Amino acid sequence: MSEPAVKELDTNIVLVGVDFLGEDSLEKTLEQLIDVHLPETVAFALCDKRFEAMGREEWKEKALLPSYKEGKTGEIIYQAFTDAIKENLRRFKGLDAEKNIAKLVPMADKMDVDVEFIDRDVSLTLGRAFRVMSPVEKLKMFWYLKSAMLSFSPKKRKESIEELEYEDDLVGGLIEKLSHFAPKVASRAHKERTEYMGKRIYESSKRGKVLAMVPTSKIEELEEEIENTMAEEAITGEDTAFVHLEQISKRVATKAVRFISPLFFISLAIYLFIFSDVLNIWRSLLYWFLAVGGMAALGALLGRGHPLSVLISFLLAPFMSLTLIGPGWIAGYVELRVRNPSIADLKSLTASESTNEFLSNNIIRIFTVGVFSNIFTWVGLFIILPLLIRFVG
């Protein structure tokens, strides 16, 4: 077992470099470090969600409904992705990623030392990166996600974690993989993550001495980041902030698209009411209802939705298309209540070995019902559009 690298930056910050993918037992090492440095806080380069998912059987039974209701579907996808990467590392490389570090958390707690997780949520790191990718880079990333999570080929799953075995940090290794098809985006993600951890460590040091367990490969970068943060604060006299690194902003164009459909059809309805006869108005409403509702229901059906989800799609789509809420998400919510999936379904999803097994998964049904219903709603709108324009004319 190699000794961890230890670097004292000042009287209140001690960086300890360890291998987050290794199998070395570090309990004794941590105990000795706490005895020598007497920290008030031990900080780990993990995030809350990654720690929560480690070795806790009750976590598998946790329902996904709260996350869906809070609009955190992206977090679910990214968590499933990292879980799949961990499983592939265990299966093909014999590495139980971050397990050695997770064992240290309860130990530090028992030694009456505060515990803090200083790494940024992986869904934020990858989500912010995805936001600034080009369409081609996004397609490449989706292909990598598919190979790591949903491929039925052991060869492709093994290829998805090639080179990661030589890393000492799971998230850092994923960012390095990202650099193969989006180098500028990966560089930004790497820099942001280092900045986030450095600022978190420095903020913790203001409350007392902090012993930070970080990947060995990041010690020098974190040292530089912390020193820059100290210098910046000394000059400005203001506390450093990292809130901006915890947000994923939506592009203006993305927000604007959501208003196009409601504005168009509300304007059209007003025009018909003022300038058209009653028969045309009722005919337009009937065509609209059948085209939009029928296509939305077809989408839910193709997504293997429950009959109740299909019915809800048919009834709500004509009205929801006038709002800023996609009708498919309502149908997906109904599907979610009917299926009531748990984290166990998430685990079985990434272990699917056939197309039928994959499509039958409760989580996939929720997404396929929601996405297909939304897409087919838009198809229905474009089908009915020429007819409505004809009535207006």
Protein backbone atom coordinates (compact mmCIF):
# COMPACT_ATOMS: atom_id res chain seq x y z
CA MET A 1 0.00 0.00 0.00
CA SER A 2 1.48 3.34 -1.06
CA GLU A 3 1.53 6.21 1.41
CA PRO A 4 -0.86 9.07 0.54
CA ALA A 5 0.62 12.41 -0.50
CA VAL A 6 0.13 15.05 2.21
CA LYS A 7 0.49 18.78 1.61
CA GLU A 8 -0.12 21.52 4.19
CA LEU A 9 -1.11 24.78 2.51
CA ASP A 10 -1.46 26.84 5.68
CA THR A 11 -2.39 26.29 9.30
CA ASN A 12 -5.98 25.46 8.38
CA ILE A 13 -5.75 23.41 5.15
CA VAL A 14 -4.22 19.97 4.68
CA LEU A 15 -4.59 18.18 1.33
CA VAL A 16 -4.29 14.40 1.32
CA GLY A 17 -3.92 12.72 -2.08
CA VAL A 18 -5.31 9.19 -2.39
CA ASP A 19 -6.45 6.82 -5.14
CA PHE A 20 -10.26 6.97 -5.35
CA LEU A 21 -10.37 3.93 -7.64
CA GLY A 22 -7.89 1.82 -5.71
CA GLU A 23 -8.61 -0.96 -3.27
CA ASP A 24 -6.20 0.13 -0.52
CA SER A 25 -7.63 0.26 2.98
CA LEU A 26 -7.16 3.77 4.32
CA GLU A 27 -8.89 3.60 7.72
CA LYS A 28 -5.64 3.41 9.67
CA THR A 29 -4.11 6.17 7.56
CA LEU A 30 -7.05 8.50 8.21
CA GLU A 31 -6.94 7.77 11.92
CA GLN A 32 -3.25 8.70 12.02
CA LEU A 33 -3.82 11.87 9.99
CA ILE A 34 -6.60 12.99 12.32
CA ASP A 35 -4.40 12.35 15.36
CA VAL A 36 -1.52 14.35 13.86
CA HIS A 37 -3.39 17.31 12.33
CA LEU A 38 -6.43 17.51 14.66
CA PRO A 39 -8.88 18.84 12.01
CA GLU A 40 -12.37 20.12 12.79
CA THR A 41 -13.56 18.86 9.39
CA VAL A 42 -12.62 15.99 7.10
CA ALA A 43 -13.64 16.81 3.51
CA PHE A 44 -14.05 14.14 0.84
CA ALA A 45 -13.99 14.64 -2.94
CA LEU A 46 -17.41 13.01 -3.24
CA CYS A 47 -20.89 14.46 -3.64
CA ASP A 48 -23.90 13.59 -1.49
CA LYS A 49 -25.61 11.50 -4.15
CA ARG A 50 -22.56 9.35 -4.90
CA PHE A 51 -22.08 8.60 -1.21
CA GLU A 52 -25.78 7.88 -0.71
CA ALA A 53 -25.67 5.27 -3.46
CA MET A 54 -22.73 3.32 -2.00
CA GLY A 55 -23.52 0.05 -0.30
CA ARG A 56 -26.96 0.99 0.97
CA GLU A 57 -29.64 -1.57 0.18
CA GLU A 58 -32.43 0.76 1.32
CA TRP A 59 -31.31 3.24 -1.32
CA LYS A 60 -32.30 0.75 -4.02
CA GLU A 61 -35.90 0.80 -2.80
CA LYS A 62 -36.06 4.61 -2.89
CA ALA A 63 -38.91 5.74 -5.17
CA LEU A 64 -38.05 7.94 -8.13
CA LEU A 65 -41.32 9.90 -7.99
CA PRO A 66 -39.97 12.82 -5.90
CA SER A 67 -37.09 13.39 -8.35
CA TYR A 68 -39.45 13.31 -11.34
CA LYS A 69 -41.90 15.74 -9.71
CA GLU A 70 -39.05 18.15 -8.98
CA GLY A 71 -37.93 18.09 -12.62
CA LYS A 72 -34.71 16.20 -11.85
CA THR A 73 -34.86 13.69 -14.68
CA GLY A 74 -31.41 14.82 -15.82
CA GLU A 75 -29.96 13.92 -12.44
CA ILE A 76 -31.51 10.46 -12.69
CA ILE A 77 -29.89 9.89 -16.08
CA TYR A 78 -26.44 11.04 -14.95
CA GLN A 79 -26.65 8.99 -11.75
CA ALA A 80 -27.59 5.92 -13.80
CA PHE A 81 -24.65 6.65 -16.09
CA THR A 82 -22.09 6.80 -13.27
CA ASP A 83 -23.61 3.68 -11.69
CA ALA A 84 -23.20 1.87 -15.01
CA ILE A 85 -19.57 3.01 -15.25
CA LYS A 86 -18.91 1.73 -11.72
CA GLU A 87 -20.52 -1.61 -12.54
CA ASN A 88 -18.45 -1.92 -15.71
CA LEU A 89 -15.26 -1.13 -13.78
CA ARG A 90 -16.14 -3.77 -11.20
CA ARG A 91 -17.11 -6.37 -13.79
CA PHE A 92 -14.30 -5.94 -16.30
CA LYS A 93 -11.44 -4.40 -14.28
CA GLY A 94 -12.07 -5.67 -10.77
CA LEU A 95 -12.21 -2.11 -9.38
CA ASP A 96 -14.85 -1.03 -6.86
CA ALA A 97 -14.72 2.71 -7.57
CA GLU A 98 -14.74 5.04 -4.53
CA LYS A 99 -15.67 2.25 -2.12
CA ASN A 100 -12.41 2.63 -0.19
CA ILE A 101 -13.17 6.33 0.34
CA ALA A 102 -16.80 5.75 1.30
CA LYS A 103 -15.63 3.53 4.18
CA LEU A 104 -13.78 6.49 5.68
CA VAL A 105 -16.89 8.66 6.06
CA PRO A 106 -18.51 6.82 9.02
CA MET A 107 -15.08 6.41 10.58
CA ALA A 108 -14.43 10.17 10.57
CA ASP A 109 -17.89 10.71 11.98
CA LYS A 110 -17.20 8.28 14.83
CA MET A 111 -14.00 10.16 15.67
CA ASP A 112 -16.15 13.24 16.37
CA VAL A 113 -14.95 15.12 13.30
CA ASP A 114 -17.32 16.96 10.99
CA VAL A 115 -17.70 15.42 7.52
CA GLU A 116 -18.21 17.42 4.35
CA PHE A 117 -18.56 16.42 0.70
CA ILE A 118 -16.77 18.97 -1.47
CA ASP A 119 -17.17 17.58 -4.99
CA ARG A 120 -19.81 18.98 -7.30
CA ASP A 121 -22.78 16.77 -8.14
CA VAL A 122 -21.82 14.78 -11.24
CA SER A 123 -25.16 15.67 -12.84
CA LEU A 124 -24.17 19.35 -12.64
CA THR A 125 -20.68 18.72 -14.00
CA LEU A 126 -21.90 16.70 -16.99
CA GLY A 127 -25.10 18.73 -17.38
CA ARG A 128 -23.24 22.04 -17.66
CA ALA A 129 -20.87 20.44 -20.15
CA PHE A 130 -23.78 19.10 -22.22
CA ARG A 131 -25.35 22.58 -22.31
CA VAL A 132 -22.41 24.10 -24.21
CA MET A 133 -21.74 21.21 -26.61
CA SER A 134 -22.32 21.46 -30.33
CA PRO A 135 -25.01 19.18 -31.85
CA VAL A 136 -22.31 16.82 -33.18
CA GLU A 137 -20.61 16.64 -29.77
CA LYS A 138 -23.96 15.90 -28.13
CA LEU A 139 -24.57 13.02 -30.52
CA LYS A 140 -21.12 11.62 -29.69
CA MET A 141 -21.84 11.95 -25.99
CA PHE A 142 -25.19 10.17 -26.38
CA TRP A 143 -23.39 7.36 -28.19
CA TYR A 144 -20.91 7.05 -25.33
CA LEU A 145 -23.76 7.07 -22.78
CA LYS A 146 -25.48 4.35 -24.80
CA SER A 147 -22.31 2.23 -24.97
CA ALA A 148 -21.70 2.52 -21.23
CA MET A 149 -25.28 2.13 -20.02
CA LEU A 150 -27.49 0.44 -22.54
CA SER A 151 -25.34 -1.69 -24.81
CA PHE A 152 -26.11 -5.40 -24.77
CA SER A 153 -22.56 -6.13 -25.95
CA PRO A 154 -20.00 -6.89 -23.19
CA LYS A 155 -17.29 -5.76 -25.61
CA LYS A 156 -18.78 -2.27 -25.96
CA ARG A 157 -19.35 -1.96 -22.23
CA LYS A 158 -15.74 -2.91 -21.64
CA GLU A 159 -14.57 -0.36 -24.21
CA SER A 160 -16.55 2.36 -22.42
CA ILE A 161 -14.26 2.14 -19.39
CA GLU A 162 -10.95 1.58 -21.17
CA GLU A 163 -8.27 3.92 -19.78
CA LEU A 164 -10.37 4.67 -16.68
CA GLU A 165 -8.49 1.97 -14.82
CA TYR A 166 -5.38 4.14 -15.01
CA GLU A 167 -7.13 7.08 -13.33
CA ASP A 168 -7.34 7.79 -9.59
CA ASP A 169 -10.64 9.67 -9.87
CA LEU A 170 -13.93 8.46 -11.39
CA VAL A 171 -15.39 11.84 -12.39
CA GLY A 172 -11.98 13.07 -13.58
CA GLY A 173 -11.73 9.96 -15.73
CA LEU A 174 -15.16 10.62 -17.25
CA ILE A 175 -14.15 14.19 -18.08
CA GLU A 176 -10.99 12.81 -19.71
CA LYS A 177 -13.21 10.52 -21.80
CA LEU A 178 -15.27 13.55 -22.73
CA SER A 179 -12.14 15.25 -24.07
CA HIS A 180 -11.92 12.60 -26.84
CA PHE A 181 -14.91 14.12 -28.64
CA ALA A 182 -15.34 17.57 -27.02
CA PRO A 183 -11.91 18.79 -25.86
CA LYS A 184 -12.85 22.42 -25.20
CA VAL A 185 -15.94 21.42 -23.24
CA ALA A 186 -13.95 18.87 -21.23
CA SER A 187 -11.30 21.47 -20.43
CA ARG A 188 -13.98 23.82 -19.13
CA ALA A 189 -15.63 21.08 -17.07
CA HIS A 190 -12.26 20.12 -15.58
CA LYS A 191 -11.47 23.73 -14.69
CA GLU A 192 -14.91 24.35 -13.16
CA ARG A 193 -14.72 21.22 -11.03
CA THR A 194 -11.28 22.17 -9.72
CA GLU A 195 -12.51 25.70 -8.96
CA TYR A 196 -15.56 24.34 -7.16
CA MET A 197 -13.61 21.95 -4.93
CA GLY A 198 -10.91 24.54 -4.22
CA LYS A 199 -13.46 27.14 -3.13
CA ARG A 200 -15.34 24.59 -1.00
CA ILE A 201 -12.13 23.60 0.79
CA TYR A 202 -11.22 27.24 1.39
CA GLU A 203 -14.70 28.07 2.73
CA SER A 204 -14.48 25.10 5.12
CA SER A 205 -11.09 26.29 6.37
CA LYS A 206 -12.70 29.53 7.61
CA ARG A 207 -14.65 27.46 10.16
CA GLY A 208 -11.59 25.58 11.39
CA LYS A 209 -8.88 23.23 10.23
CA VAL A 210 -9.87 21.02 7.30
CA LEU A 211 -8.30 17.76 6.17
CA ALA A 212 -9.29 17.24 2.52
CA MET A 213 -9.11 13.74 1.01
CA VAL A 214 -8.74 14.36 -2.73
CA PRO A 215 -7.44 12.42 -5.75
CA THR A 216 -3.63 12.56 -5.87
CA SER A 217 -3.74 13.80 -9.46
CA LYS A 218 -5.58 16.95 -8.36
CA ILE A 219 -3.42 18.09 -5.45
CA GLU A 220 -1.29 20.58 -7.40
CA GLU A 221 -4.27 22.04 -9.24
CA LEU A 222 -6.23 22.42 -6.01
CA GLU A 223 -3.26 24.01 -4.28
CA GLU A 224 -3.03 26.60 -7.05
CA GLU A 225 -6.80 27.21 -7.02
CA ILE A 226 -6.90 27.69 -3.25
CA GLU A 227 -3.92 30.08 -3.33
CA ASN A 228 -5.58 32.10 -6.13
CA THR A 229 -8.83 32.22 -4.15
CA MET A 230 -7.01 33.49 -1.08
CA ALA A 231 -5.22 36.16 -3.10
CA GLU A 232 -8.45 37.23 -4.81
CA GLU A 233 -10.26 37.56 -1.50
CA ALA A 234 -7.38 39.51 0.02
CA ILE A 235 -7.56 42.02 -2.85
CA THR A 236 -11.35 42.39 -3.13
CA GLY A 237 -12.18 41.93 0.54
CA GLU A 238 -15.23 39.89 -0.48
CA ASP A 239 -16.04 36.25 0.20
CA THR A 240 -15.50 33.95 -2.75
CA ALA A 241 -18.66 32.49 -4.30
CA PHE A 242 -19.29 29.19 -6.07
CA VAL A 243 -23.09 29.41 -6.46
CA HIS A 244 -22.70 30.11 -10.17
CA LEU A 245 -21.02 26.71 -10.53
CA GLU A 246 -24.10 24.95 -9.12
CA GLN A 247 -26.55 26.15 -11.75
CA ILE A 248 -27.48 25.05 -15.27
CA SER A 249 -28.93 27.99 -17.15
CA LYS A 250 -31.28 27.51 -20.08
CA ARG A 251 -30.51 29.13 -23.39
CA VAL A 252 -32.71 32.01 -24.45
CA ALA A 253 -33.57 30.21 -27.71
CA THR A 254 -34.71 27.14 -25.77
CA LYS A 255 -37.00 29.25 -23.63
CA ALA A 256 -38.40 31.12 -26.63
CA VAL A 257 -39.35 27.91 -28.49
CA ARG A 258 -41.74 27.01 -25.68
CA PHE A 259 -43.81 30.13 -26.41
CA ILE A 260 -44.16 29.67 -30.18
CA SER A 261 -46.93 27.05 -30.17
CA PRO A 262 -49.15 28.72 -27.52
CA LEU A 263 -48.88 32.17 -29.10
CA PHE A 264 -49.63 30.87 -32.60
CA PHE A 265 -52.72 28.86 -31.69
CA ILE A 266 -54.16 31.45 -29.31
CA SER A 267 -53.79 34.07 -32.05
CA LEU A 268 -55.39 31.69 -34.55
CA ALA A 269 -58.33 31.01 -32.24
CA ILE A 270 -58.94 34.74 -31.76
CA TYR A 271 -58.75 35.30 -35.53
CA LEU A 272 -61.26 32.51 -36.24
CA PHE A 273 -63.63 33.79 -33.59
CA ILE A 274 -63.65 37.30 -35.05
CA PHE A 275 -63.51 36.66 -38.80
CA SER A 276 -64.84 33.14 -39.41
CA ASP A 277 -68.29 31.56 -39.15
CA VAL A 278 -69.41 29.23 -36.37
CA LEU A 279 -69.21 26.07 -38.51
CA ASN A 280 -65.56 26.70 -39.35
CA ILE A 281 -64.76 27.35 -35.71
CA TRP A 282 -66.30 24.07 -34.54
CA ARG A 283 -64.76 22.15 -37.43
CA SER A 284 -61.34 23.60 -36.61
CA LEU A 285 -61.71 22.64 -32.95
CA LEU A 286 -62.76 19.08 -33.87
CA TYR A 287 -59.85 18.59 -36.29
CA TRP A 288 -57.48 20.08 -33.79
CA PHE A 289 -58.70 17.80 -31.01
CA LEU A 290 -58.60 14.64 -33.09
CA ALA A 291 -55.26 15.35 -34.78
CA VAL A 292 -53.34 16.52 -31.72
CA GLY A 293 -55.00 14.20 -29.20
CA GLY A 294 -54.89 11.20 -31.53
CA MET A 295 -51.20 11.63 -32.33
CA ALA A 296 -50.30 12.17 -28.66
CA ALA A 297 -52.18 8.98 -27.73
CA LEU A 298 -50.39 7.10 -30.53
CA GLY A 299 -47.06 8.28 -29.16
CA ALA A 300 -47.95 7.08 -25.65
CA LEU A 301 -49.07 3.74 -27.09
CA LEU A 302 -45.82 3.28 -29.03
CA GLY A 303 -43.96 4.10 -25.82
CA ARG A 304 -45.60 1.02 -24.24
CA GLY A 305 -47.72 3.21 -22.01
CA HIS A 306 -50.42 2.06 -19.63
CA PRO A 307 -53.98 2.49 -21.04
CA LEU A 308 -54.57 5.30 -18.55
CA SER A 309 -51.49 7.15 -19.86
CA VAL A 310 -52.75 6.75 -23.44
CA LEU A 311 -56.18 8.10 -22.48
CA ILE A 312 -54.67 11.06 -20.62
CA SER A 313 -52.50 11.87 -23.67
CA PHE A 314 -55.55 11.89 -25.92
CA LEU A 315 -57.66 14.08 -23.64
CA LEU A 316 -55.03 16.58 -22.51
CA ALA A 317 -52.80 17.08 -25.56
CA PRO A 318 -55.21 19.41 -27.44
CA PHE A 319 -55.36 21.70 -24.40
CA MET A 320 -51.79 21.28 -23.13
CA SER A 321 -50.43 22.24 -26.55
CA LEU A 322 -51.66 25.75 -25.73
CA THR A 323 -49.62 25.87 -22.55
CA LEU A 324 -45.92 25.85 -21.77
CA ILE A 325 -46.14 22.30 -20.38
CA GLY A 326 -45.62 19.39 -22.77
CA PRO A 327 -48.60 17.01 -22.61
CA GLY A 328 -46.20 14.08 -22.72
CA TRP A 329 -44.82 14.97 -19.30
CA ILE A 330 -48.32 14.73 -17.82
CA ALA A 331 -48.76 11.32 -19.44
CA GLY A 332 -45.29 10.38 -18.19
CA TYR A 333 -46.30 11.44 -14.70
CA VAL A 334 -49.37 9.21 -14.89
CA GLU A 335 -47.14 6.37 -16.08
CA LEU A 336 -44.83 7.07 -13.16
CA ARG A 337 -47.69 6.82 -10.66
CA VAL A 338 -48.88 3.57 -12.21
CA ARG A 339 -45.42 1.94 -12.46
CA ASN A 340 -43.94 3.51 -9.29
CA PRO A 341 -40.32 2.68 -10.20
CA SER A 342 -37.48 2.58 -7.68
CA ILE A 343 -33.70 2.80 -7.76
CA ALA A 344 -33.72 -0.99 -8.24
CA ASP A 345 -35.32 -0.42 -11.64
CA LEU A 346 -32.51 2.00 -12.39
CA LYS A 347 -29.97 -0.69 -11.55
CA SER A 348 -31.71 -3.32 -13.68
CA LEU A 349 -31.91 -0.85 -16.56
CA THR A 350 -28.14 -0.55 -16.86
CA ALA A 351 -27.85 -4.35 -16.63
CA SER A 352 -30.34 -5.06 -19.43
CA GLU A 353 -29.08 -7.72 -21.84
CA SER A 354 -31.82 -7.63 -24.49
CA THR A 355 -33.98 -5.06 -26.30
CA ASN A 356 -37.19 -6.43 -24.83
CA GLU A 357 -35.77 -6.37 -21.30
CA PHE A 358 -34.65 -2.80 -21.84
CA LEU A 359 -37.96 -1.54 -23.26
CA SER A 360 -39.94 -3.34 -20.54
CA ASN A 361 -38.11 -1.51 -17.76
CA ASN A 362 -40.44 0.72 -15.73
CA ILE A 363 -38.14 3.73 -16.05
CA ILE A 364 -37.80 3.43 -19.81
CA ARG A 365 -41.57 3.24 -20.16
CA ILE A 366 -41.92 6.55 -18.32
CA PHE A 367 -39.42 8.26 -20.61
CA THR A 368 -40.72 6.70 -23.82
CA VAL A 369 -44.31 7.61 -22.97
CA GLY A 370 -43.33 11.18 -22.12
CA VAL A 371 -41.01 11.74 -25.06
CA PHE A 372 -43.09 9.95 -27.70
CA SER A 373 -46.29 11.67 -26.60
CA ASN A 374 -44.60 15.07 -26.82
CA ILE A 375 -43.05 14.36 -30.22
CA PHE A 376 -46.28 13.01 -31.69
CA THR A 377 -48.18 16.01 -30.28
CA TRP A 378 -45.95 18.25 -32.38
CA VAL A 379 -46.48 15.97 -35.37
CA GLY A 380 -50.23 16.34 -34.86
CA LEU A 381 -49.87 20.12 -34.72
CA PHE A 382 -48.03 20.17 -38.04
CA ILE A 383 -50.62 17.86 -39.59
CA ILE A 384 -53.51 20.10 -38.58
CA LEU A 385 -51.69 23.35 -39.36
CA PRO A 386 -52.41 23.37 -43.15
CA LEU A 387 -56.11 22.72 -42.52
CA LEU A 388 -56.38 25.55 -40.00
CA ILE A 389 -54.61 27.93 -42.37
CA ARG A 390 -57.07 26.89 -45.09
CA PHE A 391 -60.02 27.75 -42.84
CA VAL A 392 -58.46 31.10 -42.03
CA GLY A 393 -57.99 31.80 -45.72
